[in-house]
Amino acid sequence: MIETLKATERIVCVGQTALRSPSGDFLPSVPLYIKVDEGDVIPKTNISRGESGLIDNIAEVLMPKFKQYVAGVKALKRDAHYSSQAGNRKEGNNYGTLNTNKSRWL
C-alpha cells in the first residue's frame, strides 16, 4: 500500500517482525513503521514523545523482577555452597550435592 505523507508527518520505525515460512523457518525480518506528526517526534532520538515515556517507565516495571532474579541466583549459589559442605562432612566425599528444592525466588 502506498500512502503519501503530509508535510507535517513523519514515519518512525517502532520495531521489527519476521514471518515464518510454511516449513517453520523464519523469513527475513521487516521493519515496522508508524506515521506520526512532525511535532511528536524528538529530533535527537527520532522517537515519538509517547514512546519516550514508555521507554522511561519500562525500567520501573522491570527492575523489581531483575532484583528478584539476582536475589534468587545468590540464594541458589549460597544453598549449593552450604549443601556441598554438608554433603562433604556427612558422606566424606569431595563432591557435595546441589539442593535444587530451595529455589525460593521462583
C-alpha atoms as a PDB file:
ATOM      1  CA  MET A   1       0.000   0.000   0.000  1.00  0.00           C
ATOM      2  CA  ILE A   2       1.419   3.362  -0.988  1.00  0.00           C
ATOM      3  CA  GLU A   3       0.417   6.363   1.062  1.00  0.00           C
ATOM      4  CA  THR A   4       1.500   9.965   0.709  1.00  0.00           C
ATOM      5  CA  LEU A   5       2.713  11.727   3.842  1.00  0.00           C
ATOM      6  CA  LYS A   6       1.502  15.200   4.668  1.00  0.00           C
ATOM      7  CA  ALA A   7       4.129  17.880   5.134  1.00  0.00           C
ATOM      8  CA  THR A   8       3.672  17.668   8.927  1.00  0.00           C
ATOM      9  CA  GLU A   9       4.009  13.862   9.149  1.00  0.00           C
ATOM     10  CA  ARG A  10       6.965  11.502   9.548  1.00  0.00           C
ATOM     11  CA  ILE A  11       7.394   7.764   9.701  1.00  0.00           C
ATOM     12  CA  VAL A  12       9.166   6.283  12.709  1.00  0.00           C
ATOM     13  CA  CYS A  13      10.494   2.719  12.977  1.00  0.00           C
ATOM     14  CA  VAL A  14       8.948   1.086  16.058  1.00  0.00           C
ATOM     15  CA  GLY A  15      10.221  -2.470  15.714  1.00  0.00           C
ATOM     16  CA  GLN A  16      10.907  -5.492  13.554  1.00  0.00           C
ATOM     17  CA  THR A  17       8.836  -8.541  12.719  1.00  0.00           C
ATOM     18  CA  ALA A  18       9.558 -11.781  10.903  1.00  0.00           C
ATOM     19  CA  LEU A  19       7.044 -14.168   9.438  1.00  0.00           C
ATOM     20  CA  ARG A  20       7.557 -17.908   9.173  1.00  0.00           C
ATOM     21  CA  SER A  21       7.686 -19.936   6.014  1.00  0.00           C
ATOM     22  CA  PRO A  22       5.416 -22.983   5.593  1.00  0.00           C
ATOM     23  CA  SER A  23       8.326 -25.148   6.827  1.00  0.00           C
ATOM     24  CA  GLY A  24       8.510 -23.125  10.058  1.00  0.00           C
ATOM     25  CA  ASP A  25      11.752 -21.302   9.290  1.00  0.00           C
ATOM     26  CA  PHE A  26      11.909 -17.557   9.860  1.00  0.00           C
ATOM     27  CA  LEU A  27      11.707 -15.331   6.817  1.00  0.00           C
ATOM     28  CA  PRO A  28      13.823 -12.130   6.674  1.00  0.00           C
ATOM     29  CA  SER A  29      12.767  -9.536   9.216  1.00  0.00           C
ATOM     30  CA  VAL A  30      10.821  -6.485   8.134  1.00  0.00           C
ATOM     31  CA  PRO A  31      10.831  -3.092   9.903  1.00  0.00           C
ATOM     32  CA  LEU A  32       7.542  -1.789  11.318  1.00  0.00           C
ATOM     33  CA  TYR A  33       6.761   1.899  10.938  1.00  0.00           C
ATOM     34  CA  ILE A  34       4.097   4.223  12.296  1.00  0.00           C
ATOM     35  CA  LYS A  35       3.048   7.589  10.980  1.00  0.00           C
ATOM     36  CA  VAL A  36       3.304  10.467  13.480  1.00  0.00           C
ATOM     37  CA  ASP A  37       3.027  14.219  13.357  1.00  0.00           C
ATOM     38  CA  GLU A  38       6.320  16.063  12.982  1.00  0.00           C
ATOM     39  CA  GLY A  39       5.798  17.827  16.330  1.00  0.00           C
ATOM     40  CA  ASP A  40       5.502  14.490  18.159  1.00  0.00           C
ATOM     41  CA  VAL A  41       8.985  13.326  17.141  1.00  0.00           C
ATOM     42  CA  ILE A  42      12.079  14.118  19.211  1.00  0.00           C
ATOM     43  CA  PRO A  43      14.685  15.016  16.535  1.00  0.00           C
ATOM     44  CA  LYS A  44      17.729  13.825  18.510  1.00  0.00           C
ATOM     45  CA  THR A  45      16.402  10.283  19.051  1.00  0.00           C
ATOM     46  CA  ASN A  46      13.854  10.026  16.196  1.00  0.00           C
ATOM     47  CA  ILE A  47      11.257   8.512  18.537  1.00  0.00           C
ATOM     48  CA  SER A  48       7.824   9.854  19.320  1.00  0.00           C
ATOM     49  CA  ARG A  49       7.089  11.560  22.620  1.00  0.00           C
ATOM     50  CA  GLY A  50       4.689   8.759  23.558  1.00  0.00           C
ATOM     51  CA  GLU A  51       7.419   6.147  23.045  1.00  0.00           C
ATOM     52  CA  SER A  52       9.822   8.209  25.109  1.00  0.00           C
ATOM     53  CA  GLY A  53       7.527   7.982  28.115  1.00  0.00           C
ATOM     54  CA  LEU A  54       7.217   4.214  27.720  1.00  0.00           C
ATOM     55  CA  ILE A  55      10.982   3.788  27.487  1.00  0.00           C
ATOM     56  CA  ASP A  56      11.441   5.797  30.686  1.00  0.00           C
ATOM     57  CA  ASN A  57       8.838   3.748  32.554  1.00  0.00           C
ATOM     58  CA  ILE A  58       9.982   0.282  31.471  1.00  0.00           C
ATOM     59  CA  ALA A  59      12.858   0.352  33.956  1.00  0.00           C
ATOM     60  CA  GLU A  60      10.375   0.854  36.791  1.00  0.00           C
ATOM     61  CA  VAL A  61       8.454  -2.191  35.615  1.00  0.00           C
ATOM     62  CA  LEU A  62      11.410  -4.492  35.021  1.00  0.00           C
ATOM     63  CA  MET A  63      13.693  -3.534  37.919  1.00  0.00           C
ATOM     64  CA  PRO A  64      11.772  -5.395  40.673  1.00  0.00           C
ATOM     65  CA  LYS A  65      11.828  -8.602  38.602  1.00  0.00           C
ATOM     66  CA  PHE A  66      15.538  -8.223  37.899  1.00  0.00           C
ATOM     67  CA  LYS A  67      16.253  -7.714  41.608  1.00  0.00           C
ATOM     68  CA  GLN A  68      14.197 -10.832  42.369  1.00  0.00           C
ATOM     69  CA  TYR A  69      16.226 -12.781  39.806  1.00  0.00           C
ATOM     70  CA  VAL A  70      19.571 -11.604  41.226  1.00  0.00           C
ATOM     71  CA  ALA A  71      18.498 -12.459  44.779  1.00  0.00           C
ATOM     72  CA  GLY A  72      17.365 -15.897  43.622  1.00  0.00           C
ATOM     73  CA  VAL A  73      20.671 -16.640  41.910  1.00  0.00           C
ATOM     74  CA  LYS A  74      22.563 -15.609  45.040  1.00  0.00           C
ATOM     75  CA  ALA A  75      20.304 -17.819  47.178  1.00  0.00           C
ATOM     76  CA  LEU A  76      20.846 -20.815  44.893  1.00  0.00           C
ATOM     77  CA  LYS A  77      24.606 -20.325  44.960  1.00  0.00           C
ATOM     78  CA  ARG A  78      24.557 -19.964  48.747  1.00  0.00           C
ATOM     79  CA  ASP A  79      22.383 -23.073  49.128  1.00  0.00           C
ATOM     80  CA  ALA A  80      24.633 -25.023  46.768  1.00  0.00           C
ATOM     81  CA  HIS A  81      27.696 -23.971  48.766  1.00  0.00           C
ATOM     82  CA  TYR A  82      26.209 -24.998  52.125  1.00  0.00           C
ATOM     83  CA  SER A  83      24.713 -28.153  50.672  1.00  0.00           C
ATOM     84  CA  SER A  84      28.055 -29.222  49.235  1.00  0.00           C
ATOM     85  CA  GLN A  85      29.802 -28.535  52.562  1.00  0.00           C
ATOM     86  CA  ALA A  86      27.199 -30.565  54.450  1.00  0.00           C
ATOM     87  CA  GLY A  87      27.493 -33.360  51.883  1.00  0.00           C
ATOM     88  CA  ASN A  88      31.259 -33.464  52.292  1.00  0.00           C
ATOM     89  CA  ARG A  89      31.030 -33.730  56.065  1.00  0.00           C
ATOM     90  CA  LYS A  90      28.297 -36.366  56.140  1.00  0.00           C
ATOM     91  CA  GLU A  91      29.324 -38.529  53.204  1.00  0.00           C
ATOM     92  CA  GLY A  92      33.064 -37.992  53.302  1.00  0.00           C
ATOM     93  CA  ASN A  93      33.276 -37.199  49.588  1.00  0.00           C
ATOM     94  CA  ASN A  94      34.708 -34.185  47.782  1.00  0.00           C
ATOM     95  CA  TYR A  95      31.725 -33.560  45.520  1.00  0.00           C
ATOM     96  CA  GLY A  96      28.768 -32.450  47.630  1.00  0.00           C
ATOM     97  CA  THR A  97      25.245 -32.063  46.276  1.00  0.00           C
ATOM     98  CA  LEU A  98      23.212 -29.206  44.893  1.00  0.00           C
ATOM     99  CA  ASN A  99      19.933 -28.818  46.739  1.00  0.00           C
ATOM    100  CA  THR A 100      17.578 -27.656  43.987  1.00  0.00           C
ATOM    101  CA  ASN A 101      14.479 -27.794  46.194  1.00  0.00           C
ATOM    102  CA  LYS A 102      15.349 -24.457  47.792  1.00  0.00           C
ATOM    103  CA  SER A 103      14.709 -22.205  44.797  1.00  0.00           C
ATOM    104  CA  ARG A 104      12.873 -19.594  46.844  1.00  0.00           C
ATOM    105  CA  TRP A 105      12.871 -16.947  44.128  1.00  0.00           C
ATOM    106  CA  LEU A 106      10.591 -18.749  41.666  1.00  0.00           C
END
